[in-house]
């Protein structure tokens, strides 16, 4: 049934127009304005707005004129009994935007349920209606509205009002989400830009660079034996044995490199990976300077102290095991030892925590 068939009054259309205008002027905070405006213009005073994933799971509730105790009880004990929980009606969305209790169950059955007797009735509510917001083949949110029995049932007019409002609200909620993603990413970029000793690279799902600060450009070249950015990125994501399904930490050429995969909340839909590069704090101390170790020999000492094998060191530094052996022989000679055990003891006792 369309809005015209329901014959909404001119006053109703005026309220709808004013609500949409107000929301569109402040879409950046749409979720906080929406419930207030629905209460002011249409008398939907008691509501909870939820974020929803594509499986119908609810999160991040915002309650309006509904007690925290109600929300706590719902989340902790009763949401799985809710006749209108979106998980139970995914097959009906998005074709059916608005559902009332009487659309999905007999009210006599509802009145006999624990959900009503132990939850809704205890909080003085009876009627319930849920509105889903859907845009660009994705859910944007869900609004649950409750009324007391004395306030009367939700009517076809209520359904028509939300059928009229929902497509526009859905688009505004989509804009709000996109803006929030951009805001978080902008804040992160600015924070790293100010931290000039930290490199940041953002990559899309094809591993193409979409942002890189100057520190990252310099450090990536220093951390790559080929002195080439593309080879550096290739070494992070396609090197044998690398598993970057989640966050990973690598060590290359004296740099600590953290690769953060796309499931982290601060990454937007455009940036699927973040690469954070920081200079390792390990610096040659008096003992290594006294023995005139080179930078590469000092790096190898760091890894030897951690108990790494020659193979692990060679893979991390992109050099052969043979080259690692040559460096270690030079370290033996400079530090006057003749075995790894003796070197390890000297590193642990003489170099303290700086290596």
C-alpha atoms as a PDB file:
ATOM      1  CA  UNK A   1       0.000   0.000   0.000  1.00  0.00           C
ATOM      2  CA  UNK A   2       1.502   3.336  -1.020  1.00  0.00           C
ATOM      3  CA  UNK A   3       1.602   6.616   0.871  1.00  0.00           C
ATOM      4  CA  UNK A   4      -1.002   8.020  -1.500  1.00  0.00           C
ATOM      5  CA  UNK A   5      -3.339   5.067  -0.852  1.00  0.00           C
ATOM      6  CA  UNK A   6      -2.979   5.662   2.878  1.00  0.00           C
ATOM      7  CA  UNK A   7      -3.887   9.292   2.213  1.00  0.00           C
ATOM      8  CA  UNK A   8      -1.404  10.839   4.601  1.00  0.00           C
ATOM      9  CA  UNK A   9      -2.467  14.301   5.632  1.00  0.00           C
ATOM     10  CA  UNK A  10      -0.724  17.451   4.460  1.00  0.00           C
ATOM     11  CA  UNK A  11       0.486  17.876   8.051  1.00  0.00           C
ATOM     12  CA  UNK A  12       2.118  14.415   7.870  1.00  0.00           C
ATOM     13  CA  UNK A  13       3.866  15.284   4.616  1.00  0.00           C
ATOM     14  CA  UNK A  14       5.047  18.554   6.116  1.00  0.00           C
ATOM     15  CA  UNK A  15       6.530  16.709   9.088  1.00  0.00           C
ATOM     16  CA  UNK A  16       8.229  14.209   6.780  1.00  0.00           C
ATOM     17  CA  UNK A  17       9.704  17.050   4.715  1.00  0.00           C
ATOM     18  CA  UNK A  18      10.954  18.912   7.775  1.00  0.00           C
ATOM     19  CA  UNK A  19      12.483  15.783   9.294  1.00  0.00           C
ATOM     20  CA  UNK A  20      14.334  14.916   6.081  1.00  0.00           C
ATOM     21  CA  UNK A  21      15.545  18.503   5.679  1.00  0.00           C
ATOM     22  CA  UNK A  22      16.860  18.628   9.256  1.00  0.00           C
ATOM     23  CA  UNK A  23      18.589  15.265   8.938  1.00  0.00           C
ATOM     24  CA  UNK A  24      20.176  16.158   5.604  1.00  0.00           C
ATOM     25  CA  UNK A  25      21.612  19.345   7.105  1.00  0.00           C
ATOM     26  CA  UNK A  26      23.352  17.338   9.835  1.00  0.00           C
ATOM     27  CA  UNK A  27      23.908  13.906   8.309  1.00  0.00           C
ATOM     28  CA  UNK A  28      27.339  13.739   9.978  1.00  0.00           C
ATOM     29  CA  UNK A  29      25.499  13.066  13.253  1.00  0.00           C
ATOM     30  CA  UNK A  30      22.387  11.461  11.792  1.00  0.00           C
ATOM     31  CA  UNK A  31      22.027   8.624  14.289  1.00  0.00           C
ATOM     32  CA  UNK A  32      21.898  11.017  17.237  1.00  0.00           C
ATOM     33  CA  UNK A  33      19.394  13.334  15.532  1.00  0.00           C
ATOM     34  CA  UNK A  34      17.119  10.687  14.016  1.00  0.00           C
ATOM     35  CA  UNK A  35      15.481   9.400  17.198  1.00  0.00           C
ATOM     36  CA  UNK A  36      15.020  12.889  18.608  1.00  0.00           C
ATOM     37  CA  UNK A  37      13.296  14.066  15.415  1.00  0.00           C
ATOM     38  CA  UNK A  38      11.052  10.995  15.206  1.00  0.00           C
ATOM     39  CA  UNK A  39       9.984  11.641  18.779  1.00  0.00           C
ATOM     40  CA  UNK A  40       9.397  15.352  18.185  1.00  0.00           C
ATOM     41  CA  UNK A  41       7.506  15.098  14.881  1.00  0.00           C
ATOM     42  CA  UNK A  42       5.676  11.770  15.110  1.00  0.00           C
ATOM     43  CA  UNK A  43       5.585  10.775  18.772  1.00  0.00           C
ATOM     44  CA  UNK A  44       7.833   7.709  18.470  1.00  0.00           C
ATOM     45  CA  UNK A  45       9.289   8.416  21.867  1.00  0.00           C
ATOM     46  CA  UNK A  46      10.791   5.072  22.966  1.00  0.00           C
ATOM     47  CA  UNK A  47      13.320   3.665  20.493  1.00  0.00           C
ATOM     48  CA  UNK A  48      16.697   1.958  20.102  1.00  0.00           C
ATOM     49  CA  UNK A  49      18.872   2.469  17.029  1.00  0.00           C
ATOM     50  CA  UNK A  50      21.286  -0.359  16.228  1.00  0.00           C
ATOM     51  CA  UNK A  51      24.075  -0.934  13.784  1.00  0.00           C
ATOM     52  CA  UNK A  52      23.579  -4.230  11.963  1.00  0.00           C
ATOM     53  CA  UNK A  53      25.885  -6.522  10.008  1.00  0.00           C
ATOM     54  CA  UNK A  54      24.854  -8.473   6.930  1.00  0.00           C
ATOM     55  CA  UNK A  55      23.958 -11.526   9.051  1.00  0.00           C
ATOM     56  CA  UNK A  56      21.460  -9.581  11.144  1.00  0.00           C
ATOM     57  CA  UNK A  57      23.647  -9.244  14.242  1.00  0.00           C
ATOM     58  CA  UNK A  58      23.024  -6.065  16.231  1.00  0.00           C
ATOM     59  CA  UNK A  59      25.616  -3.812  17.885  1.00  0.00           C
ATOM     60  CA  UNK A  60      26.284  -0.250  19.124  1.00  0.00           C
ATOM     61  CA  UNK A  61      22.790   0.504  20.468  1.00  0.00           C
ATOM     62  CA  UNK A  62      21.602   4.075  21.055  1.00  0.00           C
ATOM     63  CA  UNK A  63      18.571   4.210  23.334  1.00  0.00           C
ATOM     64  CA  UNK A  64      16.119   7.119  23.330  1.00  0.00           C
ATOM     65  CA  UNK A  65      13.646   7.393  26.236  1.00  0.00           C
ATOM     66  CA  UNK A  66      14.303   3.714  26.996  1.00  0.00           C
ATOM     67  CA  UNK A  67      16.099   2.828  30.217  1.00  0.00           C
ATOM     68  CA  UNK A  68      19.601   1.408  30.329  1.00  0.00           C
ATOM     69  CA  UNK A  69      18.144  -1.452  32.398  1.00  0.00           C
ATOM     70  CA  UNK A  70      15.788  -2.347  29.534  1.00  0.00           C
ATOM     71  CA  UNK A  71      18.709  -2.355  27.107  1.00  0.00           C
ATOM     72  CA  UNK A  72      20.899  -4.380  29.451  1.00  0.00           C
ATOM     73  CA  UNK A  73      18.193  -7.030  29.928  1.00  0.00           C
ATOM     74  CA  UNK A  74      17.511  -7.178  26.199  1.00  0.00           C
ATOM     75  CA  UNK A  75      21.155  -7.635  25.203  1.00  0.00           C
ATOM     76  CA  UNK A  76      21.968 -10.012  28.038  1.00  0.00           C
ATOM     77  CA  UNK A  77      18.904 -12.243  28.133  1.00  0.00           C
ATOM     78  CA  UNK A  78      16.072 -11.592  25.701  1.00  0.00           C
ATOM     79  CA  UNK A  79      17.271 -10.583  22.242  1.00  0.00           C
ATOM     80  CA  UNK A  80      17.228 -14.196  21.009  1.00  0.00           C
ATOM     81  CA  UNK A  81      13.548 -14.417  22.021  1.00  0.00           C
ATOM     82  CA  UNK A  82      12.588 -11.190  20.236  1.00  0.00           C
ATOM     83  CA  UNK A  83       9.941 -11.947  17.610  1.00  0.00           C
ATOM     84  CA  UNK A  84      11.226  -9.045  15.504  1.00  0.00           C
ATOM     85  CA  UNK A  85      14.990  -9.623  15.754  1.00  0.00           C
ATOM     86  CA  UNK A  86      16.433  -9.036  12.245  1.00  0.00           C
ATOM     87  CA  UNK A  87      18.238 -12.396  12.269  1.00  0.00           C
ATOM     88  CA  UNK A  88      14.852 -14.106  12.148  1.00  0.00           C
ATOM     89  CA  UNK A  89      13.637 -12.102   9.154  1.00  0.00           C
ATOM     90  CA  UNK A  90      16.603 -11.638   6.827  1.00  0.00           C
ATOM     91  CA  UNK A  91      14.617 -13.342   4.060  1.00  0.00           C
ATOM     92  CA  UNK A  92      11.989 -10.589   4.301  1.00  0.00           C
ATOM     93  CA  UNK A  93      14.423  -7.672   4.029  1.00  0.00           C
ATOM     94  CA  UNK A  94      14.783  -5.328   2.246  1.00  0.00           C
ATOM     95  CA  UNK A  95      11.399  -5.870   0.581  1.00  0.00           C
ATOM     96  CA  UNK A  96       9.570  -5.476   3.883  1.00  0.00           C
ATOM     97  CA  UNK A  97      11.057  -2.409   5.518  1.00  0.00           C
ATOM     98  CA  UNK A  98       8.672  -2.235   8.480  1.00  0.00           C
ATOM     99  CA  UNK A  99       7.452  -5.127  10.650  1.00  0.00           C
ATOM    100  CA  UNK A 100       5.124  -5.101  13.655  1.00  0.00           C
ATOM    101  CA  UNK A 101       4.616  -7.896  16.183  1.00  0.00           C
ATOM    102  CA  UNK A 102       1.232  -8.742  14.689  1.00  0.00           C
ATOM    103  CA  UNK A 103       2.882  -9.127  11.274  1.00  0.00           C
ATOM    104  CA  UNK A 104       4.952 -12.085  12.482  1.00  0.00           C
ATOM    105  CA  UNK A 105       2.974 -13.747  15.296  1.00  0.00           C
ATOM    106  CA  UNK A 106      -0.441 -13.972  16.929  1.00  0.00           C
ATOM    107  CA  UNK A 107      -0.714 -11.520  19.836  1.00  0.00           C
ATOM    108  CA  UNK A 108      -2.153 -14.281  22.062  1.00  0.00           C
ATOM    109  CA  UNK A 109       1.003 -16.321  21.492  1.00  0.00           C
ATOM    110  CA  UNK A 110       3.106 -13.230  22.213  1.00  0.00           C
ATOM    111  CA  UNK A 111       1.220 -12.550  25.476  1.00  0.00           C
ATOM    112  CA  UNK A 112       1.877 -16.127  26.635  1.00  0.00           C
ATOM    113  CA  UNK A 113       5.608 -15.924  25.904  1.00  0.00           C
ATOM    114  CA  UNK A 114       8.430 -15.407  28.411  1.00  0.00           C
ATOM    115  CA  UNK A 115       9.610 -12.580  26.190  1.00  0.00           C
ATOM    116  CA  UNK A 116       6.447 -10.608  26.973  1.00  0.00           C
ATOM    117  CA  UNK A 117       5.773 -11.744  30.554  1.00  0.00           C
ATOM    118  CA  UNK A 118       9.354 -11.531  31.857  1.00  0.00           C
ATOM    119  CA  UNK A 119      10.669  -8.679  29.754  1.00  0.00           C
ATOM    120  CA  UNK A 120       8.330  -6.360  27.861  1.00  0.00           C
ATOM    121  CA  UNK A 121       5.599  -6.399  30.513  1.00  0.00           C
ATOM    122  CA  UNK A 122       8.117  -5.855  33.304  1.00  0.00           C
ATOM    123  CA  UNK A 123       9.227  -2.648  31.566  1.00  0.00           C
ATOM    124  CA  UNK A 124       5.622  -1.544  30.890  1.00  0.00           C
ATOM    125  CA  UNK A 125       5.813  -2.072  27.106  1.00  0.00           C
ATOM    126  CA  UNK A 126       3.497  -4.051  24.870  1.00  0.00           C
ATOM    127  CA  UNK A 127       3.671  -3.008  21.203  1.00  0.00           C
ATOM    128  CA  UNK A 128       6.861  -3.288  19.128  1.00  0.00           C
ATOM    129  CA  UNK A 129       7.838  -2.310  15.594  1.00  0.00           C
ATOM    130  CA  UNK A 130      11.154  -2.634  13.745  1.00  0.00           C
ATOM    131  CA  UNK A 131      12.373  -0.590  10.770  1.00  0.00           C
ATOM    132  CA  UNK A 132      15.379  -1.653   8.681  1.00  0.00           C
ATOM    133  CA  UNK A 133      17.525   0.805   6.742  1.00  0.00           C
ATOM    134  CA  UNK A 134      19.165  -0.613   3.638  1.00  0.00           C
ATOM    135  CA  UNK A 135      21.296   1.133   1.007  1.00  0.00           C
ATOM    136  CA  UNK A 136      23.654  -0.014  -1.755  1.00  0.00           C
ATOM    137  CA  UNK A 137      22.917  -3.680  -1.007  1.00  0.00           C
ATOM    138  CA  UNK A 138      23.949  -3.298   2.623  1.00  0.00           C
ATOM    139  CA  UNK A 139      22.164  -2.771   5.915  1.00  0.00           C
ATOM    140  CA  UNK A 140      22.813   0.649   7.446  1.00  0.00           C
ATOM    141  CA  UNK A 141      20.904   0.233  10.675  1.00  0.00           C
ATOM    142  CA  UNK A 142      17.805  -0.954  12.473  1.00  0.00           C
ATOM    143  CA  UNK A 143      15.357   1.041  14.553  1.00  0.00           C
ATOM    144  CA  UNK A 144      13.250  -0.680  17.185  1.00  0.00           C
ATOM    145  CA  UNK A 145      10.271   1.265  18.560  1.00  0.00           C
ATOM    146  CA  UNK A 146       8.192   0.287  21.600  1.00  0.00           C
ATOM    147  CA  UNK A 147       4.844   1.517  22.969  1.00  0.00           C
ATOM    148  CA  UNK A 148       2.755   0.810  26.043  1.00  0.00           C
ATOM    149  CA  UNK A 149      -0.566  -0.972  25.622  1.00  0.00           C
ATOM    150  CA  UNK A 150      -2.455   2.211  26.469  1.00  0.00           C
ATOM    151  CA  UNK A 151      -0.715   4.094  23.652  1.00  0.00           C
ATOM    152  CA  UNK A 152      -2.346   1.788  21.122  1.00  0.00           C
ATOM    153  CA  UNK A 153      -1.027  -0.470  18.381  1.00  0.00           C
ATOM    154  CA  UNK A 154       1.178   0.568  15.510  1.00  0.00           C
ATOM    155  CA  UNK A 155      -1.030   1.170  12.483  1.00  0.00           C
ATOM    156  CA  UNK A 156      -0.764   1.026   8.719  1.00  0.00           C
ATOM    157  CA  UNK A 157      -0.219   4.768   8.849  1.00  0.00           C
ATOM    158  CA  UNK A 158       2.929   4.197  10.956  1.00  0.00           C
ATOM    159  CA  UNK A 159       4.172   1.684   8.406  1.00  0.00           C
ATOM    160  CA  UNK A 160       3.497   4.119   5.579  1.00  0.00           C
ATOM    161  CA  UNK A 161       5.381   6.935   7.297  1.00  0.00           C
ATOM    162  CA  UNK A 162       8.467   4.730   7.622  1.00  0.00           C
ATOM    163  CA  UNK A 163       8.165   3.320   4.121  1.00  0.00           C
ATOM    164  CA  UNK A 164       8.320   6.936   2.940  1.00  0.00           C
ATOM    165  CA  UNK A 165      11.180   7.911   5.227  1.00  0.00           C
ATOM    166  CA  UNK A 166      13.339   4.775   5.121  1.00  0.00           C
ATOM    167  CA  UNK A 167      14.988   5.098   1.657  1.00  0.00           C
ATOM    168  CA  UNK A 168      16.102   8.669   2.386  1.00  0.00           C
ATOM    169  CA  UNK A 169      17.218   7.913   5.949  1.00  0.00           C
ATOM    170  CA  UNK A 170      19.126   4.872   4.635  1.00  0.00           C
ATOM    171  CA  UNK A 171      21.103   7.032   2.206  1.00  0.00           C
ATOM    172  CA  UNK A 172      21.855   9.604   4.892  1.00  0.00           C
ATOM    173  CA  UNK A 173      23.067   6.858   7.253  1.00  0.00           C
ATOM    174  CA  UNK A 174      25.303   5.554   4.470  1.00  0.00           C
ATOM    175  CA  UNK A 175      26.781   9.052   4.066  1.00  0.00           C
ATOM    176  CA  UNK A 176      27.275   9.294   7.815  1.00  0.00           C
ATOM    177  CA  UNK A 177      29.184   5.980   7.878  1.00  0.00           C
ATOM    178  CA  UNK A 178      31.345   6.997   4.922  1.00  0.00           C
ATOM    179  CA  UNK A 179      32.112  10.342   6.555  1.00  0.00           C
ATOM    180  CA  UNK A 180      33.058   8.647   9.817  1.00  0.00           C
ATOM    181  CA  UNK A 181      35.433   6.296   7.990  1.00  0.00           C
ATOM    182  CA  UNK A 182      37.085   9.229   6.244  1.00  0.00           C
ATOM    183  CA  UNK A 183      37.332  11.174   9.503  1.00  0.00           C
ATOM    184  CA  UNK A 184      39.054   8.304  11.324  1.00  0.00           C
ATOM    185  CA  UNK A 185      41.468   7.714   8.485  1.00  0.00           C
ATOM    186  CA  UNK A 186      42.245  11.433   8.209  1.00  0.00           C
ATOM    187  CA  UNK A 187      42.987  11.615  11.947  1.00  0.00           C
ATOM    188  CA  UNK A 188      45.284   8.628  11.676  1.00  0.00           C
ATOM    189  CA  UNK A 189      47.121  10.072   8.681  1.00  0.00           C
ATOM    190  CA  UNK A 190      47.581  13.404  10.440  1.00  0.00           C
ATOM    191  CA  UNK A 191      48.881  11.680  13.556  1.00  0.00           C
ATOM    192  CA  UNK A 192      51.476   9.795  11.554  1.00  0.00           C
ATOM    193  CA  UNK A 193      52.382  12.831   9.483  1.00  0.00           C
ATOM    194  CA  UNK A 194      53.258  14.622  12.716  1.00  0.00           C
ATOM    195  CA  UNK A 195      55.322  11.666  13.888  1.00  0.00           C
ATOM    196  CA  UNK A 196      58.125  12.006  11.386  1.00  0.00           C
ATOM    197  CA  UNK A 197      60.173   9.112  12.764  1.00  0.00           C
ATOM    198  CA  UNK A 198      57.355   6.675  11.875  1.00  0.00           C
ATOM    199  CA  UNK A 199      56.598   5.582   8.323  1.00  0.00           C
ATOM    200  CA  UNK A 200      53.049   4.841   7.170  1.00  0.00           C
ATOM    201  CA  UNK A 201      51.914   3.225   3.926  1.00  0.00           C
ATOM    202  CA  UNK A 202      48.252   2.523   3.103  1.00  0.00           C
ATOM    203  CA  UNK A 203      47.529  -0.047   0.409  1.00  0.00           C
ATOM    204  CA  UNK A 204      44.366  -1.068  -1.407  1.00  0.00           C
ATOM    205  CA  UNK A 205      43.283  -4.673  -1.909  1.00  0.00           C
ATOM    206  CA  UNK A 206      45.523  -4.909  -4.985  1.00  0.00           C
ATOM    207  CA  UNK A 207      48.522  -3.843  -2.840  1.00  0.00           C
ATOM    208  CA  UNK A 208      48.733  -0.506  -4.651  1.00  0.00           C
ATOM    209  CA  UNK A 209      49.883   2.494  -2.595  1.00  0.00           C
ATOM    210  CA  UNK A 210      47.125   5.014  -1.877  1.00  0.00           C
ATOM    211  CA  UNK A 211      48.998   6.967   0.792  1.00  0.00           C
ATOM    212  CA  UNK A 212      52.599   7.153   1.971  1.00  0.00           C
ATOM    213  CA  UNK A 213      54.374   9.726   4.106  1.00  0.00           C
ATOM    214  CA  UNK A 214      57.953  10.866   3.485  1.00  0.00           C
ATOM    215  CA  UNK A 215      59.362   8.781   6.323  1.00  0.00           C
ATOM    216  CA  UNK A 216      57.876   5.630   4.833  1.00  0.00           C
ATOM    217  CA  UNK A 217      59.354   6.426   1.422  1.00  0.00           C
ATOM    218  CA  UNK A 218      62.828   6.826   2.916  1.00  0.00           C
ATOM    219  CA  UNK A 219      62.606   3.876   5.315  1.00  0.00           C
ATOM    220  CA  UNK A 220      61.177   1.452   2.763  1.00  0.00           C
ATOM    221  CA  UNK A 221      64.195   2.032   0.547  1.00  0.00           C
ATOM    222  CA  UNK A 222      66.596   1.570   3.449  1.00  0.00           C
ATOM    223  CA  UNK A 223      64.807  -1.603   4.565  1.00  0.00           C
ATOM    224  CA  UNK A 224      64.895  -3.138   1.090  1.00  0.00           C
ATOM    225  CA  UNK A 225      68.076  -4.631  -0.276  1.00  0.00           C
ATOM    226  CA  UNK A 226      66.866  -3.658  -3.768  1.00  0.00           C
ATOM    227  CA  UNK A 227      66.288  -0.042  -2.603  1.00  0.00           C
ATOM    228  CA  UNK A 228      62.971  -0.195  -4.431  1.00  0.00           C
ATOM    229  CA  UNK A 229      59.477   0.455  -3.034  1.00  0.00           C
ATOM    230  CA  UNK A 230      57.724  -2.175  -5.167  1.00  0.00           C
ATOM    231  CA  UNK A 231      60.253  -4.816  -4.153  1.00  0.00           C
ATOM    232  CA  UNK A 232      59.845  -3.789  -0.529  1.00  0.00           C
ATOM    233  CA  UNK A 233      56.053  -4.266  -0.662  1.00  0.00           C
ATOM    234  CA  UNK A 234      56.512  -7.537  -2.545  1.00  0.00           C
ATOM    235  CA  UNK A 235      58.857  -8.767   0.187  1.00  0.00           C
ATOM    236  CA  UNK A 236      56.211  -8.050   2.847  1.00  0.00           C
ATOM    237  CA  UNK A 237      53.233  -9.721   1.216  1.00  0.00           C
ATOM    238  CA  UNK A 238      54.600 -12.386  -1.109  1.00  0.00           C
ATOM    239  CA  UNK A 239      57.702 -13.642   0.634  1.00  0.00           C
ATOM    240  CA  UNK A 240      57.539 -17.369   1.352  1.00  0.00           C
ATOM    241  CA  UNK A 241      56.283 -18.082   4.839  1.00  0.00           C
ATOM    242  CA  UNK A 242      54.662 -14.696   5.413  1.00  0.00           C
ATOM    243  CA  UNK A 243      51.147 -15.039   6.795  1.00  0.00           C
ATOM    244  CA  UNK A 244      49.441 -11.667   6.791  1.00  0.00           C
ATOM    245  CA  UNK A 245      45.830 -12.641   7.395  1.00  0.00           C
ATOM    246  CA  UNK A 246      45.930 -10.524  10.541  1.00  0.00           C
ATOM    247  CA  UNK A 247      48.417  -8.133  12.059  1.00  0.00           C
ATOM    248  CA  UNK A 248      52.048  -9.220  11.662  1.00  0.00           C
ATOM    249  CA  UNK A 249      55.393  -7.863  12.780  1.00  0.00           C
ATOM    250  CA  UNK A 250      58.513  -8.274  10.665  1.00  0.00           C
ATOM    251  CA  UNK A 251      62.129  -7.176  11.131  1.00  0.00           C
ATOM    252  CA  UNK A 252      64.111  -5.971   8.114  1.00  0.00           C
ATOM    253  CA  UNK A 253      67.434  -4.206   7.924  1.00  0.00           C
ATOM    254  CA  UNK A 254      67.157  -2.695  11.410  1.00  0.00           C
ATOM    255  CA  UNK A 255      63.469  -1.681  11.059  1.00  0.00           C
ATOM    256  CA  UNK A 256      60.389  -3.038  12.790  1.00  0.00           C
ATOM    257  CA  UNK A 257      57.570  -3.311  10.269  1.00  0.00           C
ATOM    258  CA  UNK A 258      53.961  -3.931  11.339  1.00  0.00           C
ATOM    259  CA  UNK A 259      51.493  -4.984   8.688  1.00  0.00           C
ATOM    260  CA  UNK A 260      47.848  -4.526   9.672  1.00  0.00           C
ATOM    261  CA  UNK A 261      45.230  -6.336   7.624  1.00  0.00           C
ATOM    262  CA  UNK A 262      41.840  -5.000   6.552  1.00  0.00           C
ATOM    263  CA  UNK A 263      39.798  -6.374   9.482  1.00  0.00           C
ATOM    264  CA  UNK A 264      41.137  -3.655  11.773  1.00  0.00           C
ATOM    265  CA  UNK A 265      38.414  -1.048  12.412  1.00  0.00           C
ATOM    266  CA  UNK A 266      40.418   2.059  11.522  1.00  0.00           C
ATOM    267  CA  UNK A 267      40.999   0.927   7.925  1.00  0.00           C
ATOM    268  CA  UNK A 268      38.403   2.102   5.407  1.00  0.00           C
ATOM    269  CA  UNK A 269      36.938   0.164   2.498  1.00  0.00           C
ATOM    270  CA  UNK A 270      39.542   1.767   0.231  1.00  0.00           C
ATOM    271  CA  UNK A 271      42.608   1.100   2.388  1.00  0.00           C
ATOM    272  CA  UNK A 272      42.850  -2.616   3.058  1.00  0.00           C
ATOM    273  CA  UNK A 273      46.349  -2.785   4.574  1.00  0.00           C
ATOM    274  CA  UNK A 274      48.483  -0.447   6.647  1.00  0.00           C
ATOM    275  CA  UNK A 275      52.269  -0.795   6.863  1.00  0.00           C
ATOM    276  CA  UNK A 276      53.856   0.938   9.846  1.00  0.00           C
ATOM    277  CA  UNK A 277      57.644   1.249   9.812  1.00  0.00           C
ATOM    278  CA  UNK A 278      59.773   2.243  12.791  1.00  0.00           C
ATOM    279  CA  UNK A 279      63.489   2.234  13.364  1.00  0.00           C
ATOM    280  CA  UNK A 280      64.480  -0.478  15.803  1.00  0.00           C
ATOM    281  CA  UNK A 281      65.682   0.956  19.058  1.00  0.00           C
ATOM    282  CA  UNK A 282      68.646  -1.355  19.236  1.00  0.00           C
ATOM    283  CA  UNK A 283      71.723   0.845  18.848  1.00  0.00           C
ATOM    284  CA  UNK A 284      75.384  -0.063  19.159  1.00  0.00           C
ATOM    285  CA  UNK A 285      76.599   0.456  22.700  1.00  0.00           C
ATOM    286  CA  UNK A 286      80.083   1.026  24.038  1.00  0.00           C
ATOM    287  CA  UNK A 287      81.035  -2.625  23.800  1.00  0.00           C
ATOM    288  CA  UNK A 288      80.121  -3.025  20.103  1.00  0.00           C
ATOM    289  CA  UNK A 289      81.801   0.277  19.279  1.00  0.00           C
ATOM    290  CA  UNK A 290      84.931  -0.829  21.130  1.00  0.00           C
ATOM    291  CA  UNK A 291      85.041  -3.981  19.031  1.00  0.00           C
ATOM    292  CA  UNK A 292      84.418  -1.940  15.877  1.00  0.00           C
ATOM    293  CA  UNK A 293      81.476  -4.018  14.685  1.00  0.00           C
ATOM    294  CA  UNK A 294      79.815  -2.857  11.493  1.00  0.00           C
ATOM    295  CA  UNK A 295      76.109  -1.988  11.397  1.00  0.00           C
ATOM    296  CA  UNK A 296      75.322  -5.352   9.771  1.00  0.00           C
ATOM    297  CA  UNK A 297      77.429  -7.233  12.337  1.00  0.00           C
ATOM    298  CA  UNK A 298      75.626  -5.436  15.135  1.00  0.00           C
ATOM    299  CA  UNK A 299      72.262  -6.433  13.623  1.00  0.00           C
ATOM    300  CA  UNK A 300      73.399 -10.064  13.514  1.00  0.00           C
ATOM    301  CA  UNK A 301      74.476  -9.822  17.156  1.00  0.00           C
ATOM    302  CA  UNK A 302      70.956  -8.632  18.020  1.00  0.00           C
ATOM    303  CA  UNK A 303      69.423 -11.686  16.385  1.00  0.00           C
ATOM    304  CA  UNK A 304      72.001 -14.084  17.826  1.00  0.00           C
ATOM    305  CA  UNK A 305      71.205 -12.797  21.294  1.00  0.00           C
ATOM    306  CA  UNK A 306      67.527 -13.578  20.642  1.00  0.00           C
ATOM    307  CA  UNK A 307      68.495 -17.161  19.799  1.00  0.00           C
ATOM    308  CA  UNK A 308      67.770 -16.984  16.075  1.00  0.00           C
ATOM    309  CA  UNK A 309      69.187 -19.590  13.690  1.00  0.00           C
ATOM    310  CA  UNK A 310      71.486 -18.626  10.849  1.00  0.00           C
ATOM    311  CA  UNK A 311      68.672 -19.450   8.412  1.00  0.00           C
ATOM    312  CA  UNK A 312      66.240 -17.114  10.207  1.00  0.00           C
ATOM    313  CA  UNK A 313      68.840 -14.334  10.168  1.00  0.00           C
ATOM    314  CA  UNK A 314      69.561 -14.828   6.473  1.00  0.00           C
ATOM    315  CA  UNK A 315      65.860 -14.705   5.544  1.00  0.00           C
ATOM    316  CA  UNK A 316      65.246 -11.594   7.631  1.00  0.00           C
ATOM    317  CA  UNK A 317      68.271  -9.699   6.285  1.00  0.00           C
ATOM    318  CA  UNK A 318      67.864 -11.001   2.715  1.00  0.00           C
ATOM    319  CA  UNK A 319      71.359 -12.449   2.648  1.00  0.00           C
ATOM    320  CA  UNK A 320      72.591 -16.014   2.231  1.00  0.00           C
ATOM    321  CA  UNK A 321      73.446 -18.342   5.106  1.00  0.00           C
ATOM    322  CA  UNK A 322      76.996 -18.314   3.762  1.00  0.00           C
ATOM    323  CA  UNK A 323      77.142 -14.516   4.146  1.00  0.00           C
ATOM    324  CA  UNK A 324      75.762 -14.809   7.695  1.00  0.00           C
ATOM    325  CA  UNK A 325      78.563 -17.274   8.452  1.00  0.00           C
ATOM    326  CA  UNK A 326      81.180 -14.843   7.102  1.00  0.00           C
ATOM    327  CA  UNK A 327      79.832 -12.023   9.280  1.00  0.00           C
ATOM    328  CA  UNK A 328      79.794 -14.258  12.340  1.00  0.00           C
ATOM    329  CA  UNK A 329      83.416 -15.284  11.771  1.00  0.00           C
ATOM    330  CA  UNK A 330      84.340 -11.595  11.663  1.00  0.00           C
ATOM    331  CA  UNK A 331      82.374 -11.041  14.896  1.00  0.00           C
ATOM    332  CA  UNK A 332      84.235 -13.968  16.544  1.00  0.00           C
ATOM    333  CA  UNK A 333      87.549 -12.440  15.522  1.00  0.00           C
ATOM    334  CA  UNK A 334      86.682  -8.893  16.626  1.00  0.00           C
ATOM    335  CA  UNK A 335      85.204 -10.016  19.955  1.00  0.00           C
ATOM    336  CA  UNK A 336      87.918 -12.613  20.602  1.00  0.00           C
ATOM    337  CA  UNK A 337      85.720 -15.704  20.880  1.00  0.00           C
ATOM    338  CA  UNK A 338      85.815 -19.034  19.043  1.00  0.00           C
ATOM    339  CA  UNK A 339      82.277 -20.419  19.418  1.00  0.00           C
ATOM    340  CA  UNK A 340      78.655 -19.297  19.363  1.00  0.00           C
ATOM    341  CA  UNK A 341      78.272 -20.290  23.015  1.00  0.00           C
ATOM    342  CA  UNK A 342      81.143 -18.016  24.001  1.00  0.00           C
ATOM    343  CA  UNK A 343      79.762 -15.203  21.853  1.00  0.00           C
ATOM    344  CA  UNK A 344      76.275 -15.675  23.316  1.00  0.00           C
ATOM    345  CA  UNK A 345      77.663 -15.467  26.838  1.00  0.00           C
ATOM    346  CA  UNK A 346      79.573 -12.318  25.973  1.00  0.00           C
ATOM    347  CA  UNK A 347      76.508 -10.744  24.369  1.00  0.00           C
ATOM    348  CA  UNK A 348      74.288 -11.547  27.327  1.00  0.00           C
ATOM    349  CA  UNK A 349      76.778 -10.503  29.984  1.00  0.00           C
ATOM    350  CA  UNK A 350      78.539  -7.671  28.272  1.00  0.00           C
ATOM    351  CA  UNK A 351      75.930  -5.994  26.083  1.00  0.00           C
ATOM    352  CA  UNK A 352      73.011  -5.929  28.495  1.00  0.00           C
ATOM    353  CA  UNK A 353      69.655  -4.910  27.097  1.00  0.00           C
ATOM    354  CA  UNK A 354      70.933  -2.660  24.347  1.00  0.00           C
ATOM    355  CA  UNK A 355      71.449  -5.504  21.872  1.00  0.00           C
END
